[in-house]
Amino acid sequence: MAGGKETPRQKMIGMMYLVLTALLALQVSNAVLEKFAIINNTLEGLITESVGKNKAQLGKIVEDGGKSDDAKVKEAVANAEKVRAKTEALVKYIEDIKQKMLGEAGAKKYRRRVHQ
Protein backbone atom coordinates (compact mmCIF):
# COMPACT_ATOMS: atom_id res chain seq x y z
CA MET A 1 0.00 0.00 0.00
CA ALA A 2 3.03 2.19 -0.42
CA GLY A 3 2.80 3.39 -3.97
CA GLY A 4 0.66 3.90 -7.03
CA LYS A 5 2.33 1.19 -9.13
CA GLU A 6 0.90 -1.81 -7.26
CA THR A 7 -0.85 -4.53 -9.13
CA PRO A 8 -4.47 -5.24 -8.27
CA ARG A 9 -3.34 -8.37 -6.47
CA GLN A 10 -0.87 -6.41 -4.33
CA LYS A 11 -3.57 -3.84 -3.55
CA MET A 12 -5.95 -6.62 -2.49
CA ILE A 13 -3.29 -8.23 -0.25
CA GLY A 14 -2.51 -4.83 1.31
CA MET A 15 -6.20 -4.22 2.00
CA MET A 16 -6.54 -7.69 3.54
CA TYR A 17 -3.62 -6.96 5.88
CA LEU A 18 -5.20 -3.65 6.84
CA VAL A 19 -8.54 -5.35 7.63
CA LEU A 20 -6.78 -8.14 9.55
CA THR A 21 -4.84 -5.58 11.60
CA ALA A 22 -8.05 -3.68 12.40
CA LEU A 23 -9.81 -6.90 13.45
CA LEU A 24 -6.90 -7.87 15.70
CA ALA A 25 -6.91 -4.41 17.27
CA LEU A 26 -10.64 -4.71 17.97
CA GLN A 27 -10.15 -8.14 19.53
CA VAL A 28 -7.32 -6.92 21.75
CA SER A 29 -9.33 -3.96 22.98
CA ASN A 30 -12.25 -6.27 23.74
CA ALA A 31 -9.96 -8.57 25.72
CA VAL A 32 -8.56 -5.61 27.64
CA LEU A 33 -12.07 -4.42 28.49
CA GLU A 34 -13.00 -7.89 29.68
CA LYS A 35 -9.96 -7.93 31.97
CA PHE A 36 -10.98 -4.55 33.40
CA ALA A 37 -14.47 -5.95 34.07
CA ILE A 38 -12.97 -8.96 35.87
CA ILE A 39 -10.72 -6.71 37.95
CA ASN A 40 -13.68 -4.44 38.75
CA ASN A 41 -15.84 -7.36 39.91
CA THR A 42 -13.00 -8.73 42.03
CA LEU A 43 -12.36 -5.35 43.63
CA GLU A 44 -16.06 -4.85 44.36
CA GLY A 45 -16.18 -8.24 46.07
CA LEU A 46 -13.16 -7.33 48.18
CA ILE A 47 -14.67 -3.95 49.03
CA THR A 48 -17.92 -5.56 50.15
CA GLU A 49 -16.00 -8.02 52.32
CA SER A 50 -13.83 -5.25 53.80
CA VAL A 51 -16.83 -3.06 54.56
CA GLY A 52 -18.38 -5.90 56.56
CA LYS A 53 -15.19 -6.53 58.50
CA ASN A 54 -14.67 -2.82 59.16
CA LYS A 55 -18.24 -2.38 60.43
CA ALA A 56 -17.79 -5.31 62.79
CA GLN A 57 -14.49 -3.89 64.04
CA LEU A 58 -16.02 -0.42 64.54
CA GLY A 59 -18.95 -1.99 66.39
CA LYS A 60 -16.52 -3.76 68.71
CA ILE A 61 -14.56 -0.55 69.28
CA VAL A 62 -17.75 1.37 70.11
CA GLU A 63 -19.00 -1.44 72.35
CA ASP A 64 -15.73 -1.76 74.24
CA GLY A 65 -15.26 2.02 74.36
CA GLY A 66 -18.72 2.52 75.81
CA LYS A 67 -17.74 0.42 78.81
CA SER A 68 -14.68 2.52 79.57
CA ASP A 69 -14.57 5.79 81.50
CA ASP A 70 -11.11 6.72 80.20
CA ALA A 71 -11.11 9.98 78.22
CA LYS A 72 -8.53 8.67 75.75
CA VAL A 73 -10.68 5.64 74.95
CA LYS A 74 -13.76 7.82 74.41
CA GLU A 75 -11.72 10.09 72.15
CA ALA A 76 -10.46 7.07 70.17
CA VAL A 77 -14.05 5.87 69.73
CA ALA A 78 -15.14 9.31 68.52
CA ASN A 79 -12.19 9.43 66.10
CA ALA A 80 -13.03 5.96 64.77
CA GLU A 81 -16.62 7.04 64.09
CA LYS A 82 -15.41 10.21 62.35
CA VAL A 83 -13.04 8.20 60.16
CA ARG A 84 -15.87 5.80 59.27
CA ALA A 85 -18.17 8.70 58.31
CA LYS A 86 -15.51 10.30 56.12
CA THR A 87 -14.71 6.95 54.52
CA GLU A 88 -18.37 6.32 53.69
CA ALA A 89 -18.64 9.79 52.15
CA LEU A 90 -15.53 9.19 50.02
CA VAL A 91 -16.71 5.76 48.87
CA LYS A 92 -20.11 7.23 47.92
CA TYR A 93 -18.41 10.05 46.01
CA ILE A 94 -16.23 7.59 44.06
CA GLU A 95 -19.24 5.38 43.32
CA ASP A 96 -21.21 8.41 42.04
CA ILE A 97 -18.34 9.37 39.72
CA LYS A 98 -18.12 5.78 38.48
CA GLN A 99 -21.85 5.68 37.76
CA LYS A 100 -21.65 9.03 35.96
CA MET A 101 -18.81 7.75 33.77
CA LEU A 102 -20.72 4.55 33.01
CA GLY A 103 -23.80 6.59 32.15
CA GLU A 104 -21.89 8.82 29.76
CA ALA A 105 -20.25 5.77 28.18
CA GLY A 106 -23.67 4.21 27.62
CA ALA A 107 -22.96 1.12 29.73
CA LYS A 108 -26.46 -0.21 30.29
CA LYS A 109 -25.55 -3.78 31.28
CA TYR A 110 -23.58 -2.76 34.35
CA ARG A 111 -25.47 -3.32 37.56
CA ARG A 112 -24.74 -1.05 40.45
CA ARG A 113 -23.50 -2.69 43.62
CA VAL A 114 -24.23 -0.89 46.83
CA HIS A 115 -21.72 -1.43 49.60
CA GLN A 116 -23.44 -1.60 52.95
C-alpha atoms as a PDB file:
ATOM      1  CA  MET A   1       0.000   0.000   0.000  1.00  0.00           C
ATOM      2  CA  ALA A   2       3.029   2.192  -0.416  1.00  0.00           C
ATOM      3  CA  GLY A   3       2.804   3.392  -3.970  1.00  0.00           C
ATOM      4  CA  GLY A   4       0.662   3.901  -7.027  1.00  0.00           C
ATOM      5  CA  LYS A   5       2.328   1.185  -9.134  1.00  0.00           C
ATOM      6  CA  GLU A   6       0.904  -1.807  -7.264  1.00  0.00           C
ATOM      7  CA  THR A   7      -0.847  -4.531  -9.130  1.00  0.00           C
ATOM      8  CA  PRO A   8      -4.473  -5.239  -8.267  1.00  0.00           C
ATOM      9  CA  ARG A   9      -3.336  -8.368  -6.473  1.00  0.00           C
ATOM     10  CA  GLN A  10      -0.870  -6.406  -4.328  1.00  0.00           C
ATOM     11  CA  LYS A  11      -3.575  -3.838  -3.546  1.00  0.00           C
ATOM     12  CA  MET A  12      -5.953  -6.618  -2.492  1.00  0.00           C
ATOM     13  CA  ILE A  13      -3.293  -8.229  -0.247  1.00  0.00           C
ATOM     14  CA  GLY A  14      -2.506  -4.833   1.307  1.00  0.00           C
ATOM     15  CA  MET A  15      -6.202  -4.223   1.999  1.00  0.00           C
ATOM     16  CA  MET A  16      -6.543  -7.691   3.541  1.00  0.00           C
ATOM     17  CA  TYR A  17      -3.623  -6.963   5.884  1.00  0.00           C
ATOM     18  CA  LEU A  18      -5.201  -3.647   6.840  1.00  0.00           C
ATOM     19  CA  VAL A  19      -8.535  -5.347   7.632  1.00  0.00           C
ATOM     20  CA  LEU A  20      -6.783  -8.137   9.549  1.00  0.00           C
ATOM     21  CA  THR A  21      -4.838  -5.577  11.597  1.00  0.00           C
ATOM     22  CA  ALA A  22      -8.051  -3.685  12.395  1.00  0.00           C
ATOM     23  CA  LEU A  23      -9.806  -6.902  13.446  1.00  0.00           C
ATOM     24  CA  LEU A  24      -6.905  -7.871  15.696  1.00  0.00           C
ATOM     25  CA  ALA A  25      -6.915  -4.410  17.269  1.00  0.00           C
ATOM     26  CA  LEU A  26     -10.644  -4.713  17.974  1.00  0.00           C
ATOM     27  CA  GLN A  27     -10.155  -8.139  19.526  1.00  0.00           C
ATOM     28  CA  VAL A  28      -7.318  -6.919  21.754  1.00  0.00           C
ATOM     29  CA  SER A  29      -9.328  -3.962  22.979  1.00  0.00           C
ATOM     30  CA  ASN A  30     -12.250  -6.270  23.744  1.00  0.00           C
ATOM     31  CA  ALA A  31      -9.964  -8.567  25.719  1.00  0.00           C
ATOM     32  CA  VAL A  32      -8.557  -5.606  27.645  1.00  0.00           C
ATOM     33  CA  LEU A  33     -12.068  -4.416  28.491  1.00  0.00           C
ATOM     34  CA  GLU A  34     -13.003  -7.894  29.678  1.00  0.00           C
ATOM     35  CA  LYS A  35      -9.965  -7.928  31.974  1.00  0.00           C
ATOM     36  CA  PHE A  36     -10.980  -4.553  33.401  1.00  0.00           C
ATOM     37  CA  ALA A  37     -14.473  -5.955  34.066  1.00  0.00           C
ATOM     38  CA  ILE A  38     -12.974  -8.960  35.866  1.00  0.00           C
ATOM     39  CA  ILE A  39     -10.725  -6.711  37.951  1.00  0.00           C
ATOM     40  CA  ASN A  40     -13.685  -4.437  38.753  1.00  0.00           C
ATOM     41  CA  ASN A  41     -15.840  -7.355  39.907  1.00  0.00           C
ATOM     42  CA  THR A  42     -13.003  -8.731  42.033  1.00  0.00           C
ATOM     43  CA  LEU A  43     -12.358  -5.349  43.630  1.00  0.00           C
ATOM     44  CA  GLU A  44     -16.055  -4.846  44.363  1.00  0.00           C
ATOM     45  CA  GLY A  45     -16.180  -8.235  46.066  1.00  0.00           C
ATOM     46  CA  LEU A  46     -13.164  -7.329  48.176  1.00  0.00           C
ATOM     47  CA  ILE A  47     -14.674  -3.951  49.033  1.00  0.00           C
ATOM     48  CA  THR A  48     -17.922  -5.563  50.154  1.00  0.00           C
ATOM     49  CA  GLU A  49     -15.999  -8.019  52.317  1.00  0.00           C
ATOM     50  CA  SER A  50     -13.830  -5.253  53.798  1.00  0.00           C
ATOM     51  CA  VAL A  51     -16.834  -3.056  54.563  1.00  0.00           C
ATOM     52  CA  GLY A  52     -18.382  -5.897  56.565  1.00  0.00           C
ATOM     53  CA  LYS A  53     -15.192  -6.529  58.503  1.00  0.00           C
ATOM     54  CA  ASN A  54     -14.672  -2.817  59.163  1.00  0.00           C
ATOM     55  CA  LYS A  55     -18.242  -2.384  60.432  1.00  0.00           C
ATOM     56  CA  ALA A  56     -17.791  -5.315  62.785  1.00  0.00           C
ATOM     57  CA  GLN A  57     -14.492  -3.886  64.037  1.00  0.00           C
ATOM     58  CA  LEU A  58     -16.024  -0.420  64.539  1.00  0.00           C
ATOM     59  CA  GLY A  59     -18.949  -1.988  66.394  1.00  0.00           C
ATOM     60  CA  LYS A  60     -16.520  -3.764  68.708  1.00  0.00           C
ATOM     61  CA  ILE A  61     -14.565  -0.548  69.281  1.00  0.00           C
ATOM     62  CA  VAL A  62     -17.751   1.365  70.105  1.00  0.00           C
ATOM     63  CA  GLU A  63     -19.002  -1.437  72.353  1.00  0.00           C
ATOM     64  CA  ASP A  64     -15.729  -1.757  74.244  1.00  0.00           C
ATOM     65  CA  GLY A  65     -15.262   2.019  74.356  1.00  0.00           C
ATOM     66  CA  GLY A  66     -18.724   2.522  75.811  1.00  0.00           C
ATOM     67  CA  LYS A  67     -17.738   0.417  78.813  1.00  0.00           C
ATOM     68  CA  SER A  68     -14.676   2.519  79.567  1.00  0.00           C
ATOM     69  CA  ASP A  69     -14.567   5.785  81.500  1.00  0.00           C
ATOM     70  CA  ASP A  70     -11.113   6.717  80.203  1.00  0.00           C
ATOM     71  CA  ALA A  71     -11.113   9.984  78.221  1.00  0.00           C
ATOM     72  CA  LYS A  72      -8.525   8.667  75.747  1.00  0.00           C
ATOM     73  CA  VAL A  73     -10.676   5.637  74.954  1.00  0.00           C
ATOM     74  CA  LYS A  74     -13.763   7.816  74.407  1.00  0.00           C
ATOM     75  CA  GLU A  75     -11.717  10.088  72.146  1.00  0.00           C
ATOM     76  CA  ALA A  76     -10.461   7.071  70.172  1.00  0.00           C
ATOM     77  CA  VAL A  77     -14.052   5.866  69.727  1.00  0.00           C
ATOM     78  CA  ALA A  78     -15.142   9.306  68.521  1.00  0.00           C
ATOM     79  CA  ASN A  79     -12.194   9.433  66.104  1.00  0.00           C
ATOM     80  CA  ALA A  80     -13.028   5.962  64.769  1.00  0.00           C
ATOM     81  CA  GLU A  81     -16.616   7.035  64.092  1.00  0.00           C
ATOM     82  CA  LYS A  82     -15.410  10.215  62.352  1.00  0.00           C
ATOM     83  CA  VAL A  83     -13.041   8.202  60.160  1.00  0.00           C
ATOM     84  CA  ARG A  84     -15.866   5.798  59.267  1.00  0.00           C
ATOM     85  CA  ALA A  85     -18.172   8.698  58.313  1.00  0.00           C
ATOM     86  CA  LYS A  86     -15.509  10.295  56.121  1.00  0.00           C
ATOM     87  CA  THR A  87     -14.708   6.950  54.520  1.00  0.00           C
ATOM     88  CA  GLU A  88     -18.370   6.323  53.694  1.00  0.00           C
ATOM     89  CA  ALA A  89     -18.639   9.790  52.150  1.00  0.00           C
ATOM     90  CA  LEU A  90     -15.531   9.195  50.018  1.00  0.00           C
ATOM     91  CA  VAL A  91     -16.714   5.756  48.867  1.00  0.00           C
ATOM     92  CA  LYS A  92     -20.112   7.227  47.922  1.00  0.00           C
ATOM     93  CA  TYR A  93     -18.409  10.050  46.009  1.00  0.00           C
ATOM     94  CA  ILE A  94     -16.225   7.591  44.057  1.00  0.00           C
ATOM     95  CA  GLU A  95     -19.242   5.379  43.317  1.00  0.00           C
ATOM     96  CA  ASP A  96     -21.209   8.410  42.041  1.00  0.00           C
ATOM     97  CA  ILE A  97     -18.336   9.368  39.723  1.00  0.00           C
ATOM     98  CA  LYS A  98     -18.119   5.780  38.481  1.00  0.00           C
ATOM     99  CA  GLN A  99     -21.847   5.683  37.758  1.00  0.00           C
ATOM    100  CA  LYS A 100     -21.654   9.030  35.958  1.00  0.00           C
ATOM    101  CA  MET A 101     -18.814   7.748  33.769  1.00  0.00           C
ATOM    102  CA  LEU A 102     -20.716   4.548  33.009  1.00  0.00           C
ATOM    103  CA  GLY A 103     -23.804   6.587  32.147  1.00  0.00           C
ATOM    104  CA  GLU A 104     -21.885   8.819  29.763  1.00  0.00           C
ATOM    105  CA  ALA A 105     -20.249   5.774  28.184  1.00  0.00           C
ATOM    106  CA  GLY A 106     -23.667   4.208  27.615  1.00  0.00           C
ATOM    107  CA  ALA A 107     -22.964   1.124  29.729  1.00  0.00           C
ATOM    108  CA  LYS A 108     -26.463  -0.212  30.291  1.00  0.00           C
ATOM    109  CA  LYS A 109     -25.548  -3.779  31.276  1.00  0.00           C
ATOM    110  CA  TYR A 110     -23.576  -2.757  34.347  1.00  0.00           C
ATOM    111  CA  ARG A 111     -25.472  -3.319  37.559  1.00  0.00           C
ATOM    112  CA  ARG A 112     -24.743  -1.046  40.447  1.00  0.00           C
ATOM    113  CA  ARG A 113     -23.505  -2.690  43.621  1.00  0.00           C
ATOM    114  CA  VAL A 114     -24.229  -0.885  46.825  1.00  0.00           C
ATOM    115  CA  HIS A 115     -21.720  -1.427  49.596  1.00  0.00           C
ATOM    116  CA  GLN A 116     -23.442  -1.604  52.949  1.00  0.00           C
END
